[in-house]
């Protein structure tokens, strides 16, 4: 049986597949000069709907170059060929929080608090720099083997400009985004609240429903159902994330000082 020849992208030899999504395919990569292990996210150029989409991806890379924070996956570089665009990123060997949920099931509240403190640290940095992630969810939160959490997958992240396009994943999307009022920093906070529910409950709010039904519930319910197995302090925290009115939600900086979160290390 013949063995496929390993692929080489610039300085990086591609190894095993780490993940695949609608936006691209991620491989483990090895820098043949330094020995650094990285994650290489590949996009096929013909997968872009238009030339402007490809140009937009390159502009997005320029944005990622400016992000430097302990709780944000580090941008390493990119390689471009006639057919492919490859973004080289820091490799997080622990996988995503979604991966941890699959492997270990629902997580204890105190561990979720440790993770949330670090997520907030990354969000404070993004929001202070006018960047809205727009797709906060466990699959986009990566971990190291030491338990540090890093925000990843900035495929739909943008500098805040009031864009009213619907973006994000349906079970974590904020009501105002559904209503085409645009995503802001407050929309990231709503998604964080949904992420917390998923981590302690084992599934996202309304995950038992089809996406279109979940979107209807998000657009009409006062807030997603709170888990029954968590402390009053964490419920109070969730209430400050999941207010239907964006201006009624606390900021990432305010949440970092909440009584539930103050005792947890940020990992920075």
Foldseek 3Di string as FASTA:
>chain_A
DDDDDFDDFVQWTWDDWDDDDLAFTWTWIARNPPRAIWIKTKDWPVSDPDPVSVVVVVVVLVVLQPDDDPQAWHWDAWGDDPTMIITIIHDAVQAFQLVVCVVPNADDPVLLLQQLLQVLVSLVSCVVVQKAQQEDARNQWGHHPVGRIHGHDSVPIDRDDQAQAQDYAQLQFALSNLVSRGDGQLRVLSSSLQRSQCRRVVHGFPRVPPSVVSNVCNNPPQFGDHDPPDDPQVVVLSCLNTGNDSVSHDGSVVSSPRPSNVVHDNND
